[in-house]
Protein backbone atom coordinates (compact mmCIF):
# COMPACT_ATOMS: atom_id res chain seq x y z
CA UNK A 1 -10.76 -15.06 0.99
CA UNK A 2 -13.97 -16.46 1.41
CA UNK A 3 -14.04 -18.21 -1.93
CA UNK A 4 -10.32 -19.71 -1.26
CA UNK A 5 -11.98 -21.17 1.81
CA UNK A 6 -14.56 -22.75 0.03
CA UNK A 7 -12.02 -24.11 -2.21
CA UNK A 8 -9.81 -25.51 0.56
CA UNK A 9 -13.22 -27.03 2.18
CA UNK A 10 -14.44 -28.82 -1.23
CA UNK A 11 -10.66 -30.15 -1.68
CA UNK A 12 -10.29 -31.73 1.56
CA UNK A 13 -14.04 -33.31 1.33
CA UNK A 14 -12.22 -34.67 -1.66
CA UNK A 15 -9.69 -36.42 -0.43
CA UNK A 16 -11.44 -37.41 2.56
CA UNK A 17 -13.48 -39.55 0.58
CA UNK A 18 -10.43 -40.71 -1.58
CA UNK A 19 -8.91 -41.54 1.41
CA UNK A 20 -12.18 -43.69 2.55
CA UNK A 21 -12.28 -45.47 -0.91
CA UNK A 22 -8.79 -46.54 -0.09
CA UNK A 23 -9.47 -47.85 3.30
CA UNK A 24 -12.77 -49.75 1.75
CA UNK A 25 -10.55 -51.23 -0.82
CA UNK A 26 -8.24 -52.56 1.58
CA UNK A 27 -10.95 -54.26 3.61
CA UNK A 28 -12.28 -55.89 0.28
CA UNK A 29 -8.67 -56.57 -0.84
CA UNK A 30 -9.39 -54.76 -4.19
CA UNK A 31 -5.81 -54.20 -5.02
CA UNK A 32 -6.38 -52.53 -8.41
CA UNK A 33 -9.37 -50.35 -6.83
CA UNK A 34 -6.82 -49.41 -4.07
CA UNK A 35 -3.96 -48.65 -6.52
CA UNK A 36 -6.13 -46.35 -8.72
CA UNK A 37 -7.85 -44.51 -5.54
CA UNK A 38 -4.09 -44.03 -3.92
CA UNK A 39 -3.25 -42.65 -7.34
CA UNK A 40 -5.95 -39.93 -7.27
CA UNK A 41 -4.98 -39.10 -3.66
CA UNK A 42 -1.72 -38.57 -4.78
CA UNK A 43 -2.81 -35.77 -6.98
CA UNK A 44 -5.54 -34.30 -4.63
CA UNK A 45 -3.32 -34.16 -1.66
CA UNK A 46 -0.80 -31.51 -3.02
CA UNK A 47 -3.85 -29.23 -4.35
CA UNK A 48 -5.54 -29.63 -0.50
CA UNK A 49 -1.87 -28.37 0.86
CA UNK A 50 -1.37 -25.81 -1.63
CA UNK A 51 -4.99 -24.13 -0.78
CA UNK A 52 -4.53 -24.36 2.80
CA UNK A 53 -1.20 -22.16 2.30
CA UNK A 54 -3.25 -19.89 0.38
CA UNK A 55 -5.25 -19.17 3.18
CA UNK A 56 -2.42 -17.23 4.98
CA UNK A 57 -2.38 -14.81 1.53
CA UNK A 58 -5.32 -12.47 3.23
CA UNK A 59 -4.30 -9.44 1.31
CA UNK A 60 -3.91 -9.15 -2.74
CA UNK A 61 -0.23 -8.31 -2.28
CA UNK A 62 0.32 -11.48 -0.64
CA UNK A 63 -1.60 -13.60 -3.29
CA UNK A 64 0.46 -11.84 -6.15
CA UNK A 65 3.81 -12.35 -4.65
CA UNK A 66 2.72 -16.38 -4.18
CA UNK A 67 1.78 -16.29 -7.82
CA UNK A 68 5.12 -14.98 -8.71
CA UNK A 69 7.05 -17.06 -6.91
CA UNK A 70 5.03 -20.25 -7.77
CA UNK A 71 5.34 -19.30 -11.35
CA UNK A 72 9.45 -18.63 -10.81
CA UNK A 73 9.01 -15.26 -12.34
CA UNK A 74 10.81 -14.36 -9.14
CA UNK A 75 12.84 -15.95 -6.38
CA UNK A 76 13.06 -15.83 -2.57
CA UNK A 77 16.37 -13.74 -3.42
CA UNK A 78 14.61 -11.00 -5.91
CA UNK A 79 14.99 -7.74 -4.83
CA UNK A 80 11.51 -5.83 -4.29
CA UNK A 81 11.39 -1.89 -3.94
CA UNK A 82 9.13 -0.54 -1.27
CA UNK A 83 7.83 2.82 -0.78
CA UNK A 84 5.94 3.41 2.05
CA UNK A 85 3.91 6.88 2.55
CA UNK A 86 0.77 8.66 3.90
CA UNK A 87 -1.30 11.06 1.77
CA UNK A 88 -3.54 14.14 2.97
CA UNK A 89 -7.29 14.17 1.66
CA UNK A 90 -8.01 17.65 1.83
CA UNK A 91 -11.25 18.77 0.45
CA UNK A 92 -13.40 22.19 0.33
CA UNK A 93 -16.63 21.89 -1.10
CA UNK A 94 -16.17 19.69 -4.12
CA UNK A 95 -12.40 19.75 -4.99
CA UNK A 96 -9.42 18.38 -3.52
CA UNK A 97 -6.27 20.30 -2.59
CA UNK A 98 -3.11 19.54 -4.20
CA UNK A 99 0.44 20.45 -4.30
CA UNK A 100 3.01 20.58 -6.87
CA UNK A 101 5.73 17.55 -6.61
CA UNK A 102 8.80 18.73 -5.50
CA UNK A 103 10.77 16.54 -7.44
CA UNK A 104 10.42 18.28 -10.88
CA UNK A 105 7.67 16.27 -12.27
CA UNK A 106 5.57 18.70 -12.94
CA UNK A 107 2.39 17.04 -11.42
CA UNK A 108 0.28 18.16 -8.76
CA UNK A 109 -0.54 15.36 -5.98
CA UNK A 110 -1.64 15.27 -2.32
CA UNK A 111 0.38 16.51 0.35
CA UNK A 112 1.92 13.83 1.78
CA UNK A 113 5.10 11.74 1.68
CA UNK A 114 7.00 8.71 2.54
CA UNK A 115 7.06 7.81 6.34
CA UNK A 116 10.87 8.06 8.10
CA UNK A 117 12.46 5.89 10.15
CA UNK A 118 15.04 6.67 12.91
CA UNK A 119 18.71 5.61 13.36
CA UNK A 120 18.05 2.60 15.53
CA UNK A 121 15.09 1.28 13.57
CA UNK A 122 17.43 1.55 10.35
CA UNK A 123 19.86 -0.60 12.27
CA UNK A 124 17.33 -3.31 12.91
CA UNK A 125 16.43 -3.36 9.60
CA UNK A 126 19.70 -3.65 7.89
CA UNK A 127 20.36 -6.32 10.42
CA UNK A 128 17.54 -8.47 10.60
CA UNK A 129 16.15 -7.82 6.52
CA UNK A 130 19.28 -7.01 4.93
CA UNK A 131 17.55 -3.73 3.33
CA UNK A 132 19.45 -1.44 1.05
CA UNK A 133 19.31 2.26 0.12
CA UNK A 134 17.45 2.58 -3.23
CA UNK A 135 18.95 5.21 -4.98
CA UNK A 136 16.17 5.25 -8.47
CA UNK A 137 14.98 8.56 -6.43
CA UNK A 138 18.50 10.68 -5.80
CA UNK A 139 18.79 10.71 -1.70
CA UNK A 140 19.00 14.16 -0.54
CA UNK A 141 18.75 15.79 2.71
CA UNK A 142 14.99 15.67 2.46
CA UNK A 143 14.67 11.79 1.75
CA UNK A 144 16.88 10.57 4.27
CA UNK A 145 15.91 7.65 6.77
CA UNK A 146 12.93 7.57 4.05
CA UNK A 147 10.91 4.15 3.79
CA UNK A 148 12.10 3.88 0.39
CA UNK A 149 14.03 1.06 0.01
CA UNK A 150 15.02 -2.34 -1.55
CA UNK A 151 15.22 -5.81 0.37
CA UNK A 152 14.94 -9.66 -0.67
CA UNK A 153 11.80 -11.05 -1.12
CA UNK A 154 12.34 -13.68 1.43
CA UNK A 155 11.75 -10.70 3.76
CA UNK A 156 9.25 -9.04 2.56
CA UNK A 157 6.43 -10.03 4.64
CA UNK A 158 8.23 -9.94 8.01
CA UNK A 159 9.01 -6.23 7.13
CA UNK A 160 5.33 -5.30 6.41
CA UNK A 161 4.60 -7.30 9.91
CA UNK A 162 7.42 -5.21 11.56
CA UNK A 163 6.06 -1.74 9.92
CA UNK A 164 2.47 -2.43 11.60
CA UNK A 165 4.29 -3.12 14.80
CA UNK A 166 4.07 -1.00 17.91
CA UNK A 167 7.98 -2.12 18.16
CA UNK A 168 8.76 -0.12 14.79
CA UNK A 169 10.56 2.91 15.54
CA UNK A 170 9.05 5.06 13.00
CA UNK A 171 6.85 8.15 12.10
CA UNK A 172 3.38 7.16 13.22
CA UNK A 173 -0.18 7.79 12.38
CA UNK A 174 -0.71 9.50 15.29
CA UNK A 175 1.14 12.49 14.19
CA UNK A 176 1.92 13.06 10.39
CA UNK A 177 2.17 16.82 10.96
CA UNK A 178 5.51 16.87 9.20
CA UNK A 179 4.56 16.66 5.64
CA UNK A 180 2.00 19.21 6.15
CA UNK A 181 4.31 21.54 7.74
CA UNK A 182 6.79 21.74 5.21
CA UNK A 183 4.66 21.33 1.97
CA UNK A 184 2.01 23.83 2.91
CA UNK A 185 2.29 25.51 6.23
CA UNK A 186 5.88 26.82 6.50
CA UNK A 187 6.13 27.62 3.21
CA UNK A 188 2.72 29.90 3.24
CA UNK A 189 3.35 31.08 7.03
CA UNK A 190 0.29 30.04 8.09
CA UNK A 191 -0.29 30.49 12.14
CA UNK A 192 -2.04 27.26 12.78
CA UNK A 193 -1.64 25.85 16.51
CA UNK A 194 -3.56 23.16 15.33
CA UNK A 195 -4.66 20.32 12.86
CA UNK A 196 -7.06 17.52 13.16
CA UNK A 197 -7.42 14.82 10.80
CA UNK A 198 -9.46 11.33 10.30
CA UNK A 199 -7.61 8.10 9.55
CA UNK A 200 -9.45 6.34 6.35
CA UNK A 201 -7.67 3.61 5.58
CA UNK A 202 -4.92 1.97 3.72
CA UNK A 203 -3.69 1.74 -0.25
CA UNK A 204 -1.66 -1.30 -1.23
CA UNK A 205 -0.54 -2.17 -4.26
CA UNK A 206 -0.08 -5.70 -5.44
CA UNK A 207 3.77 -6.61 -6.32
CA UNK A 208 4.15 -5.61 -9.56
CA UNK A 209 7.01 -4.99 -11.92
CA UNK A 210 7.41 -1.08 -12.12
CA UNK A 211 8.25 -0.34 -16.06
CA UNK A 212 10.03 2.72 -15.39
CA UNK A 213 12.14 1.67 -12.50
CA UNK A 214 12.71 -1.95 -13.96
CA UNK A 215 11.92 -4.05 -11.11
CA UNK A 216 9.15 -5.46 -8.44
CA UNK A 217 7.88 -3.18 -6.22
CA UNK A 218 4.93 -2.78 -3.36
CA UNK A 219 3.51 0.59 -2.61
CA UNK A 220 1.83 1.31 0.57
CA UNK A 221 -0.21 4.62 1.14
CA UNK A 222 -1.98 5.49 4.59
CA UNK A 223 -4.92 8.03 3.78
CA UNK A 224 -5.87 10.94 6.26
CA UNK A 225 -8.48 13.35 5.90
CA UNK A 226 -7.96 16.91 7.02
CA UNK A 227 -10.92 18.19 9.21
CA UNK A 228 -10.61 22.00 8.32
CA UNK A 229 -11.69 24.87 10.74
CA UNK A 230 -13.57 27.85 8.88
CA UNK A 231 -10.29 29.69 8.82
CA UNK A 232 -8.28 26.81 7.99
CA UNK A 233 -10.20 26.74 4.70
CA UNK A 234 -9.98 30.28 3.79
CA UNK A 235 -6.19 30.25 4.54
CA UNK A 236 -5.65 27.44 1.39
CA UNK A 237 -8.00 28.86 -0.81
CA UNK A 238 -6.46 32.09 -0.83
CA UNK A 239 -2.84 30.56 -1.09
CA UNK A 240 -4.23 28.61 -3.96
CA UNK A 241 -5.18 31.56 -5.42
CA UNK A 242 -2.23 33.60 -4.83
CA UNK A 243 0.26 30.49 -5.97
CA UNK A 244 -1.17 29.12 -8.58
CA UNK A 245 2.12 27.88 -9.80
CA UNK A 246 2.65 25.63 -6.63
CA UNK A 247 -1.25 24.93 -5.40
CA UNK A 248 -4.19 23.99 -7.16
CA UNK A 249 -8.17 22.69 -6.10
CA UNK A 250 -9.10 20.11 -8.51
CA UNK A 251 -12.04 18.04 -8.69
CA UNK A 252 -12.81 14.70 -8.68
CA UNK A 253 -13.09 14.32 -12.32
CA UNK A 254 -9.64 16.27 -13.02
CA UNK A 255 -8.20 13.91 -10.68
CA UNK A 256 -9.43 10.60 -12.65
CA UNK A 257 -8.46 11.96 -15.61
CA UNK A 258 -5.19 13.12 -14.61
CA UNK A 259 -5.23 16.78 -15.80
CA UNK A 260 -5.88 15.84 -19.07
CA UNK A 261 -9.08 17.62 -20.73
CA UNK A 262 -10.71 15.90 -23.35
CA UNK A 263 -11.56 17.95 -26.83
CA UNK A 264 -8.66 20.25 -26.19
CA UNK A 265 -4.88 20.84 -26.82
CA UNK A 266 -4.01 20.15 -23.10
CA UNK A 267 -3.28 16.52 -23.03
CA UNK A 268 -0.44 16.32 -21.06
CA UNK A 269 -1.02 14.92 -17.38
CA UNK A 270 -0.47 17.13 -14.81
CA UNK A 271 -1.94 15.21 -11.89
CA UNK A 272 -0.01 12.56 -10.23
CA UNK A 273 -1.56 8.69 -10.99
CA UNK A 274 -1.92 8.02 -7.47
CA UNK A 275 -3.75 11.04 -6.51
CA UNK A 276 -6.82 8.99 -7.15
CA UNK A 277 -6.47 7.12 -3.96
CA UNK A 278 -7.42 10.12 -1.60
CA UNK A 279 -10.97 10.50 -3.38
CA UNK A 280 -14.17 10.07 -1.18
CA UNK A 281 -15.58 7.58 -3.70
CA UNK A 282 -12.37 5.32 -3.30
CA UNK A 283 -12.30 5.10 0.77
CA UNK A 284 -14.77 2.21 0.24
CA UNK A 285 -11.91 0.14 -1.52
CA UNK A 286 -9.07 1.13 1.44
CA UNK A 287 -7.99 -1.44 3.90
CA UNK A 288 -9.06 -1.02 7.60
CA UNK A 289 -5.86 -1.41 9.64
CA UNK A 290 -6.60 -2.86 12.83
CA UNK A 291 -5.32 -0.89 16.13
CA UNK A 292 -5.55 2.47 14.28
CA UNK A 293 -7.79 4.82 16.05
CA UNK A 294 -9.97 7.20 13.82
CA UNK A 295 -9.66 11.11 15.13
CA UNK A 296 -6.35 12.48 15.54
CA UNK A 297 -5.29 16.14 16.70
CA UNK A 298 -1.48 17.56 16.46
CA UNK A 299 -0.52 20.40 18.40
CA UNK A 300 1.84 22.28 15.89
CA UNK A 301 4.91 23.93 17.39
């Protein structure tokens, strides 16, 4: 952003100087110089206007969208796939707790899932942003009302603003216990009465072409860190030991290599590539969203 501001200021100064020269030539009645200066000003003005427009692109995904539009690679009618989720960082000692993907990829990933919205919000999104279901991943009872949708690019920025708005009727950061309960607590029959977690920040991709789904997509993941009691730590350690096919503990190096072990015959990826976003060392790269508190405590029924 700082470089964009400097760029805008420099171009503005150049334009002001050129206008000043035009005025001077007009006073001196130097028609040739006036014409030449006017030509340069005519070239500079669109650049200045463009640089000021770029100042509104305060995130990487907005910058990438602008470049795609200017390059005519996409247009305002291009359908964009969005998937907005939350992920848990669950760390004990130097290892991260992961769960096997429930959709048959065979890979381990962080506990978490796609945000959900209610019926009223779905109606609002359809009426105002013309969203349609994303069926690249089959829709079932567990994935209905998910923030996994498609919409025309012209509505993308307003859609993200709506997602961040307090008016948005959806699952909120203040209570993200649903996926933790469904993926861990209920299957393991844990007697947990409460969970506490810390909001770490948000990972958001650039607007990019997804090779597998053959479309442009924007991915968002809010990262929260579970604050475990000693009893909860023991529960998770025993669970991973007892059900090794469903739960594992992985080091940061395991996650960075996606489970591939160099120098061995274990060359198949066993950890999802988005898992790297929960690592402690990745937190410095996360966006901090305004109006979101840091610590949350959720009572479990």
